[in-house]
C-alpha atoms as a PDB file:
ATOM      1  CA  MET A   1       0.000   0.000   0.000  1.00  0.00           C
ATOM      2  CA  THR A   2       1.267   3.454  -0.874  1.00  0.00           C
ATOM      3  CA  LEU A   3       1.129   5.916   1.969  1.00  0.00           C
ATOM      4  CA  VAL A   4      -0.281   9.242   0.823  1.00  0.00           C
ATOM      5  CA  ARG A   5       1.141  12.207   2.691  1.00  0.00           C
ATOM      6  CA  PHE A   6      -0.886  15.385   2.931  1.00  0.00           C
ATOM      7  CA  PRO A   7       0.731  18.771   3.482  1.00  0.00           C
ATOM      8  CA  ARG A   8       0.657  19.797   7.102  1.00  0.00           C
ATOM      9  CA  ARG A   9      -1.404  22.892   6.257  1.00  0.00           C
ATOM     10  CA  ALA A  10      -4.105  20.714   4.716  1.00  0.00           C
ATOM     11  CA  LEU A  11      -4.208  18.579   7.851  1.00  0.00           C
ATOM     12  CA  LEU A  12      -4.688  21.675   9.954  1.00  0.00           C
ATOM     13  CA  ALA A  13      -7.711  22.782   7.913  1.00  0.00           C
ATOM     14  CA  THR A  14     -10.167  20.614   9.838  1.00  0.00           C
ATOM     15  CA  PRO A  15     -13.895  21.470   9.847  1.00  0.00           C
ATOM     16  CA  ALA A  16     -13.528  23.079  13.264  1.00  0.00           C
ATOM     17  CA  VAL A  17     -10.657  25.246  12.041  1.00  0.00           C
ATOM     18  CA  LEU A  18     -12.569  26.232   8.904  1.00  0.00           C
ATOM     19  CA  ALA A  19     -15.644  27.108  10.975  1.00  0.00           C
ATOM     20  CA  ALA A  20     -13.506  29.262  13.264  1.00  0.00           C
ATOM     21  CA  ARG A  21     -12.047  31.040  10.231  1.00  0.00           C
ATOM     22  CA  ASP A  22     -15.530  31.667   8.818  1.00  0.00           C
ATOM     23  CA  ALA A  23     -16.737  33.054  12.141  1.00  0.00           C
ATOM     24  CA  ALA A  24     -13.675  35.278  12.401  1.00  0.00           C
ATOM     25  CA  ALA A  25     -14.374  36.609   8.908  1.00  0.00           C
ATOM     26  CA  GLN A  26     -17.820  37.855   9.902  1.00  0.00           C
ATOM     27  CA  GLU A  27     -17.797  41.535  10.776  1.00  0.00           C
ATOM     28  CA  PRO A  28     -19.622  42.284  14.046  1.00  0.00           C
ATOM     29  CA  VAL A  29     -22.452  44.831  13.990  1.00  0.00           C
ATOM     30  CA  ASP A  30     -25.060  45.854  16.542  1.00  0.00           C
ATOM     31  CA  VAL A  31     -28.103  44.368  14.789  1.00  0.00           C
ATOM     32  CA  LEU A  32     -28.691  41.994  11.889  1.00  0.00           C
ATOM     33  CA  LEU A  33     -32.014  42.929  10.285  1.00  0.00           C
ATOM     34  CA  VAL A  34     -33.857  41.285   7.396  1.00  0.00           C
ATOM     35  CA  LEU A  35     -36.702  43.390   6.023  1.00  0.00           C
ATOM     36  CA  ALA A  36     -39.251  40.984   4.504  1.00  0.00           C
ATOM     37  CA  MET A  37     -41.532  42.960   2.194  1.00  0.00           C
ATOM     38  CA  ASP A  38     -44.881  41.767   0.840  1.00  0.00           C
ATOM     39  CA  ALA A  39     -44.717  41.534  -2.980  1.00  0.00           C
ATOM     40  CA  SER A  40     -47.732  39.257  -3.471  1.00  0.00           C
ATOM     41  CA  GLY A  41     -49.909  39.492  -6.549  1.00  0.00           C
ATOM     42  CA  SER A  42     -52.637  41.468  -4.774  1.00  0.00           C
ATOM     43  CA  ILE A  43     -50.395  44.556  -4.745  1.00  0.00           C
ATOM     44  CA  GLY A  44     -50.638  46.734  -7.868  1.00  0.00           C
ATOM     45  CA  GLU A  45     -47.598  48.453  -9.347  1.00  0.00           C
ATOM     46  CA  ALA A  46     -48.568  51.908  -8.040  1.00  0.00           C
ATOM     47  CA  GLU A  47     -49.140  50.513  -4.546  1.00  0.00           C
ATOM     48  CA  PHE A  48     -45.865  48.617  -4.700  1.00  0.00           C
ATOM     49  CA  ALA A  49     -43.944  51.763  -5.686  1.00  0.00           C
ATOM     50  CA  ILE A  50     -45.498  53.626  -2.734  1.00  0.00           C
ATOM     51  CA  GLN A  51     -44.492  50.747  -0.462  1.00  0.00           C
ATOM     52  CA  ARG A  52     -40.864  50.813  -1.574  1.00  0.00           C
ATOM     53  CA  GLU A  53     -40.721  54.576  -1.294  1.00  0.00           C
ATOM     54  CA  GLY A  54     -42.003  54.256   2.273  1.00  0.00           C
ATOM     55  CA  TYR A  55     -39.197  51.834   3.062  1.00  0.00           C
ATOM     56  CA  ALA A  56     -36.605  54.153   1.499  1.00  0.00           C
ATOM     57  CA  GLU A  57     -37.989  57.111   3.446  1.00  0.00           C
ATOM     58  CA  ALA A  58     -37.844  55.240   6.757  1.00  0.00           C
ATOM     59  CA  LEU A  59     -34.359  53.824   6.198  1.00  0.00           C
ATOM     60  CA  THR A  60     -32.889  57.259   5.439  1.00  0.00           C
ATOM     61  CA  SER A  61     -34.713  59.244   8.108  1.00  0.00           C
ATOM     62  CA  ALA A  62     -32.588  61.162  10.592  1.00  0.00           C
ATOM     63  CA  PRO A  63     -34.177  59.539  13.685  1.00  0.00           C
ATOM     64  CA  VAL A  64     -33.418  56.031  12.364  1.00  0.00           C
ATOM     65  CA  ILE A  65     -29.811  56.935  11.554  1.00  0.00           C
ATOM     66  CA  ALA A  66     -29.454  58.517  15.001  1.00  0.00           C
ATOM     67  CA  ALA A  67     -30.759  55.297  16.584  1.00  0.00           C
ATOM     68  CA  ILE A  68     -28.180  53.282  14.641  1.00  0.00           C
ATOM     69  CA  ARG A  69     -25.384  55.644  15.623  1.00  0.00           C
ATOM     70  CA  SER A  70     -26.371  55.397  19.291  1.00  0.00           C
ATOM     71  CA  LYS A  71     -25.561  51.664  19.426  1.00  0.00           C
ATOM     72  CA  PRO A  72     -22.165  50.509  20.792  1.00  0.00           C
ATOM     73  CA  ARG A  73     -20.672  49.805  17.345  1.00  0.00           C
ATOM     74  CA  GLY A  74     -22.693  52.451  15.549  1.00  0.00           C
ATOM     75  CA  ALA A  75     -23.543  50.084  12.696  1.00  0.00           C
ATOM     76  CA  VAL A  76     -26.172  47.568  11.648  1.00  0.00           C
ATOM     77  CA  ALA A  77     -26.435  45.213   8.681  1.00  0.00           C
ATOM     78  CA  ILE A  78     -29.639  45.127   6.637  1.00  0.00           C
ATOM     79  CA  ALA A  79     -30.895  42.871   3.843  1.00  0.00           C
ATOM     80  CA  VAL A  80     -34.231  43.124   2.019  1.00  0.00           C
ATOM     81  CA  ILE A  81     -36.295  40.224   0.710  1.00  0.00           C
ATOM     82  CA  GLU A  82     -39.630  40.041  -1.103  1.00  0.00           C
ATOM     83  CA  TRP A  83     -42.137  37.319  -0.360  1.00  0.00           C
ATOM     84  CA  GLY A  84     -45.418  35.958  -1.648  1.00  0.00           C
ATOM     85  CA  SER A  85     -45.207  32.670  -3.532  1.00  0.00           C
ATOM     86  CA  PRO A  86     -44.907  29.390  -1.590  1.00  0.00           C
ATOM     87  CA  GLY A  87     -41.177  28.714  -1.358  1.00  0.00           C
ATOM     88  CA  GLY A  88     -40.554  31.695  -3.646  1.00  0.00           C
ATOM     89  CA  SER A  89     -39.112  34.390  -1.378  1.00  0.00           C
ATOM     90  CA  GLN A  90     -36.185  36.179  -3.014  1.00  0.00           C
ATOM     91  CA  THR A  91     -33.437  38.481  -1.818  1.00  0.00           C
ATOM     92  CA  THR A  92     -33.938  41.934  -3.313  1.00  0.00           C
ATOM     93  CA  VAL A  93     -30.977  43.699  -1.701  1.00  0.00           C
ATOM     94  CA  ASP A  94     -28.230  41.594  -0.145  1.00  0.00           C
ATOM     95  CA  TRP A  95     -26.485  42.502   3.097  1.00  0.00           C
ATOM     96  CA  ARG A  96     -25.330  46.102   3.454  1.00  0.00           C
ATOM     97  CA  ARG A  97     -23.664  47.739   6.421  1.00  0.00           C
ATOM     98  CA  VAL A  98     -25.463  50.903   7.495  1.00  0.00           C
ATOM     99  CA  SER A  99     -23.719  53.339   9.823  1.00  0.00           C
ATOM    100  CA  ASP A 100     -24.503  56.828   8.538  1.00  0.00           C
ATOM    101  CA  ALA A 101     -26.612  58.855   6.115  1.00  0.00           C
ATOM    102  CA  ALA A 102     -24.494  57.939   3.092  1.00  0.00           C
ATOM    103  CA  SER A 103     -24.705  54.172   3.653  1.00  0.00           C
ATOM    104  CA  ALA A 104     -28.445  54.442   4.375  1.00  0.00           C
ATOM    105  CA  GLN A 105     -28.954  56.372   1.135  1.00  0.00           C
ATOM    106  CA  ALA A 106     -27.000  53.715  -0.766  1.00  0.00           C
ATOM    107  CA  LEU A 107     -29.241  50.979   0.664  1.00  0.00           C
ATOM    108  CA  ALA A 108     -32.382  52.933  -0.194  1.00  0.00           C
ATOM    109  CA  ALA A 109     -31.149  53.600  -3.742  1.00  0.00           C
ATOM    110  CA  ALA A 110     -30.419  49.909  -4.274  1.00  0.00           C
ATOM    111  CA  LEU A 111     -33.899  49.014  -3.051  1.00  0.00           C
ATOM    112  CA  LEU A 112     -35.637  51.539  -5.304  1.00  0.00           C
ATOM    113  CA  ALA A 113     -33.601  50.421  -8.330  1.00  0.00           C
ATOM    114  CA  ALA A 114     -34.102  46.666  -7.866  1.00  0.00           C
ATOM    115  CA  PRO A 115     -36.604  44.949 -10.184  1.00  0.00           C
ATOM    116  CA  ARG A 116     -39.737  43.666  -8.509  1.00  0.00           C
ATOM    117  CA  THR A 117     -39.712  39.907  -7.992  1.00  0.00           C
ATOM    118  CA  THR A 118     -42.542  37.726  -9.277  1.00  0.00           C
ATOM    119  CA  GLN A 119     -44.732  36.544  -6.404  1.00  0.00           C
ATOM    120  CA  SER A 120     -48.247  35.177  -5.880  1.00  0.00           C
ATOM    121  CA  TYR A 121     -50.107  34.075  -2.738  1.00  0.00           C
ATOM    122  CA  ASN A 122     -49.117  34.976   0.819  1.00  0.00           C
ATOM    123  CA  ALA A 123     -46.500  32.573   2.159  1.00  0.00           C
ATOM    124  CA  ILE A 124     -45.215  34.322   5.273  1.00  0.00           C
ATOM    125  CA  GLY A 125     -43.756  31.178   6.833  1.00  0.00           C
ATOM    126  CA  ASP A 126     -41.518  30.660   3.805  1.00  0.00           C
ATOM    127  CA  ALA A 127     -40.387  34.289   4.042  1.00  0.00           C
ATOM    128  CA  ILE A 128     -39.350  33.716   7.658  1.00  0.00           C
ATOM    129  CA  HIS A 129     -37.502  30.562   6.625  1.00  0.00           C
ATOM    130  CA  HIS A 130     -35.649  32.389   3.813  1.00  0.00           C
ATOM    131  CA  ALA A 131     -34.751  35.269   6.129  1.00  0.00           C
ATOM    132  CA  SER A 132     -33.342  32.895   8.742  1.00  0.00           C
ATOM    133  CA  HIS A 133     -30.848  31.513   6.224  1.00  0.00           C
ATOM    134  CA  LEU A 134     -29.687  35.028   5.394  1.00  0.00           C
ATOM    135  CA  LEU A 135     -29.175  35.755   9.085  1.00  0.00           C
ATOM    136  CA  ARG A 136     -27.116  32.602   9.626  1.00  0.00           C
ATOM    137  CA  GLU A 137     -25.010  32.721   6.469  1.00  0.00           C
ATOM    138  CA  GLY A 138     -24.272  36.408   5.861  1.00  0.00           C
ATOM    139  CA  PRO A 139     -20.964  38.258   6.178  1.00  0.00           C
ATOM    140  CA  TYR A 140     -21.938  40.000   9.427  1.00  0.00           C
ATOM    141  CA  SER A 141     -22.550  38.771  12.953  1.00  0.00           C
ATOM    142  CA  SER A 142     -24.578  40.043  15.895  1.00  0.00           C
ATOM    143  CA  ASP A 143     -26.238  38.735  19.029  1.00  0.00           C
ATOM    144  CA  GLN A 144     -29.392  40.568  17.922  1.00  0.00           C
ATOM    145  CA  MET A 145     -30.954  38.963  14.822  1.00  0.00           C
ATOM    146  CA  VAL A 146     -34.295  40.364  13.682  1.00  0.00           C
ATOM    147  CA  ILE A 147     -36.730  39.400  10.919  1.00  0.00           C
ATOM    148  CA  ASP A 148     -39.101  42.250  10.111  1.00  0.00           C
ATOM    149  CA  VAL A 149     -42.187  41.047   8.181  1.00  0.00           C
ATOM    150  CA  SER A 150     -44.620  43.491   6.580  1.00  0.00           C
ATOM    151  CA  GLY A 151     -47.791  42.482   4.763  1.00  0.00           C
ATOM    152  CA  ASP A 152     -51.446  43.196   4.018  1.00  0.00           C
ATOM    153  CA  GLY A 153     -52.760  39.670   4.468  1.00  0.00           C
ATOM    154  CA  PRO A 154     -52.476  36.497   6.540  1.00  0.00           C
ATOM    155  CA  ASP A 155     -50.289  33.470   5.926  1.00  0.00           C
ATOM    156  CA  LEU A 156     -52.152  31.362   3.354  1.00  0.00           C
ATOM    157  CA  ARG A 157     -50.058  28.844   1.442  1.00  0.00           C
ATOM    158  CA  SER A 158     -46.646  28.499   3.071  1.00  0.00           C
ATOM    159  CA  LEU A 159     -44.828  25.220   2.592  1.00  0.00           C
ATOM    160  CA  ARG A 160     -43.818  25.794   6.211  1.00  0.00           C
ATOM    161  CA  PRO A 161     -46.692  27.568   7.999  1.00  0.00           C
ATOM    162  CA  SER A 162     -45.739  30.772   9.748  1.00  0.00           C
ATOM    163  CA  PRO A 163     -46.252  29.546  13.360  1.00  0.00           C
ATOM    164  CA  ILE A 164     -43.916  26.606  12.696  1.00  0.00           C
ATOM    165  CA  ALA A 165     -41.304  28.742  10.899  1.00  0.00           C
ATOM    166  CA  ARG A 166     -41.553  31.368  13.642  1.00  0.00           C
ATOM    167  CA  ASP A 167     -41.045  28.835  16.423  1.00  0.00           C
ATOM    168  CA  ILE A 168     -37.987  27.358  14.677  1.00  0.00           C
ATOM    169  CA  VAL A 169     -36.212  30.703  14.260  1.00  0.00           C
ATOM    170  CA  VAL A 170     -37.062  31.801  17.804  1.00  0.00           C
ATOM    171  CA  ARG A 171     -35.369  28.653  19.089  1.00  0.00           C
ATOM    172  CA  ARG A 172     -32.312  29.760  17.088  1.00  0.00           C
ATOM    173  CA  GLY A 173     -32.220  33.062  18.957  1.00  0.00           C
ATOM    174  CA  MET A 174     -33.932  35.203  16.319  1.00  0.00           C
ATOM    175  CA  ILE A 175     -36.761  37.684  16.777  1.00  0.00           C
ATOM    176  CA  VAL A 176     -39.695  38.156  14.401  1.00  0.00           C
ATOM    177  CA  ASN A 177     -41.534  41.479  14.369  1.00  0.00           C
ATOM    178  CA  ALA A 178     -44.401  42.374  12.066  1.00  0.00           C
ATOM    179  CA  LEU A 179     -45.946  45.382  10.348  1.00  0.00           C
ATOM    180  CA  ALA A 180     -49.619  44.851   9.496  1.00  0.00           C
ATOM    181  CA  ILE A 181     -50.859  47.004   6.606  1.00  0.00           C
ATOM    182  CA  SER A 182     -54.521  47.190   7.488  1.00  0.00           C
ATOM    183  CA  GLY A 183     -57.037  49.997   7.868  1.00  0.00           C
ATOM    184  CA  PRO A 184     -59.404  50.379  10.829  1.00  0.00           C
ATOM    185  CA  GLY A 185     -62.139  47.736  10.837  1.00  0.00           C
ATOM    186  CA  THR A 186     -60.438  45.570   8.208  1.00  0.00           C
ATOM    187  CA  VAL A 187     -60.428  41.848   8.983  1.00  0.00           C
ATOM    188  CA  THR A 188     -58.949  38.744   7.372  1.00  0.00           C
ATOM    189  CA  ARG A 189     -61.109  36.116   5.704  1.00  0.00           C
ATOM    190  CA  GLY A 190     -61.037  34.372   9.085  1.00  0.00           C
ATOM    191  CA  GLY A 191     -62.812  37.387  10.594  1.00  0.00           C
ATOM    192  CA  GLU A 192     -59.987  38.693  12.788  1.00  0.00           C
ATOM    193  CA  PRO A 193     -57.948  41.907  12.548  1.00  0.00           C
ATOM    194  CA  LEU A 194     -54.691  41.344  10.656  1.00  0.00           C
ATOM    195  CA  GLU A 195     -52.723  42.681  13.615  1.00  0.00           C
ATOM    196  CA  GLU A 196     -54.131  39.908  15.800  1.00  0.00           C
ATOM    197  CA  HIS A 197     -53.268  37.266  13.214  1.00  0.00           C
ATOM    198  CA  TYR A 198     -49.686  38.551  13.070  1.00  0.00           C
ATOM    199  CA  ARG A 199     -49.517  38.704  16.851  1.00  0.00           C
ATOM    200  CA  ARG A 200     -50.532  35.041  17.148  1.00  0.00           C
ATOM    201  CA  ASP A 201     -48.926  33.440  14.071  1.00  0.00           C
ATOM    202  CA  VAL A 202     -46.002  35.659  13.003  1.00  0.00           C
ATOM    203  CA  MET A 203     -44.295  37.608  15.791  1.00  0.00           C
ATOM    204  CA  GLY A 204     -42.077  35.798  18.252  1.00  0.00           C
ATOM    205  CA  GLY A 205     -39.038  36.063  20.474  1.00  0.00           C
ATOM    206  CA  PRO A 206     -38.109  38.292  23.438  1.00  0.00           C
ATOM    207  CA  GLY A 207     -39.541  41.780  23.073  1.00  0.00           C
ATOM    208  CA  SER A 208     -41.230  41.029  19.735  1.00  0.00           C
ATOM    209  CA  PHE A 209     -44.098  43.250  18.639  1.00  0.00           C
ATOM    210  CA  VAL A 210     -46.577  44.149  15.887  1.00  0.00           C
ATOM    211  CA  ILE A 211     -47.192  47.651  14.586  1.00  0.00           C
ATOM    212  CA  THR A 212     -49.938  48.727  12.162  1.00  0.00           C
ATOM    213  CA  ALA A 213     -49.922  50.977   9.084  1.00  0.00           C
ATOM    214  CA  GLU A 214     -53.362  52.118   7.937  1.00  0.00           C
ATOM    215  CA  ASP A 215     -52.367  51.853   4.262  1.00  0.00           C
ATOM    216  CA  ARG A 216     -49.257  51.896   2.084  1.00  0.00           C
ATOM    217  CA  ARG A 217     -48.962  55.667   2.352  1.00  0.00           C
ATOM    218  CA  ASP A 218     -48.592  55.168   6.103  1.00  0.00           C
ATOM    219  CA  ILE A 219     -45.738  52.663   5.771  1.00  0.00           C
ATOM    220  CA  GLY A 220     -42.973  55.270   6.043  1.00  0.00           C
ATOM    221  CA  ARG A 221     -44.239  56.481   9.413  1.00  0.00           C
ATOM    222  CA  ALA A 222     -44.947  52.996  10.767  1.00  0.00           C
ATOM    223  CA  LEU A 223     -41.664  51.500   9.593  1.00  0.00           C
ATOM    224  CA  ARG A 224     -39.677  54.446  10.937  1.00  0.00           C
ATOM    225  CA  ALA A 225     -41.178  53.890  14.395  1.00  0.00           C
ATOM    226  CA  LYS A 226     -40.563  50.171  14.062  1.00  0.00           C
ATOM    227  CA  LEU A 227     -36.903  50.534  13.061  1.00  0.00           C
ATOM    228  CA  ILE A 228     -36.200  52.910  15.937  1.00  0.00           C
ATOM    229  CA  ARG A 229     -37.762  50.432  18.364  1.00  0.00           C
ATOM    230  CA  GLU A 230     -35.731  47.555  16.884  1.00  0.00           C
ATOM    231  CA  MET A 231     -32.497  49.541  17.220  1.00  0.00           C
ATOM    232  CA  SER A 232     -33.138  50.506  20.840  1.00  0.00           C
END
């Protein structure tokens, strides 16, 4: 038998060593935040443009930037995904470090310029699942990992229903907050206010919460308040 000799450096590159290198390569930030935006087929193009503009407005607002700057490292990392179709959530803007007005403007510009993804029915659980992979595999690290779901309807056709997906990510140390886009008196087909549905089936983790926007023109205000609360 011929004895094969491996270089000593190769022998040192064990899985544990490689994992340590990967962890060391992740840049620490104060918060990892995935913004999961509803892009389901019920949203018309004009409404969708208003929704994105609301996100851009909130992300670049002075109070949000001040909240980011007040954290110990003065920086967060944000990614944006769009959801709708069962198993079809897609990353719209990959991870970006935000620490000041310029980096926030760059994130907002990338979001506004990105093509809309093709989505259909509401699959919130699959959006949570997709977001959790981004949080675990991205180039940044933080003890505070947040999934921020916004939508105008309940979870309908997820391959992994939202309560199950939510419970899995909470066990992994993540937090799920929600923004319900729903006017006063509006209820789901199940007869309950959307905020209550999100409170029961979507939000989860220590300090998690739901906030409501009355319509898409109210998203900028609601999301701004939500981001400040998530950064505090």
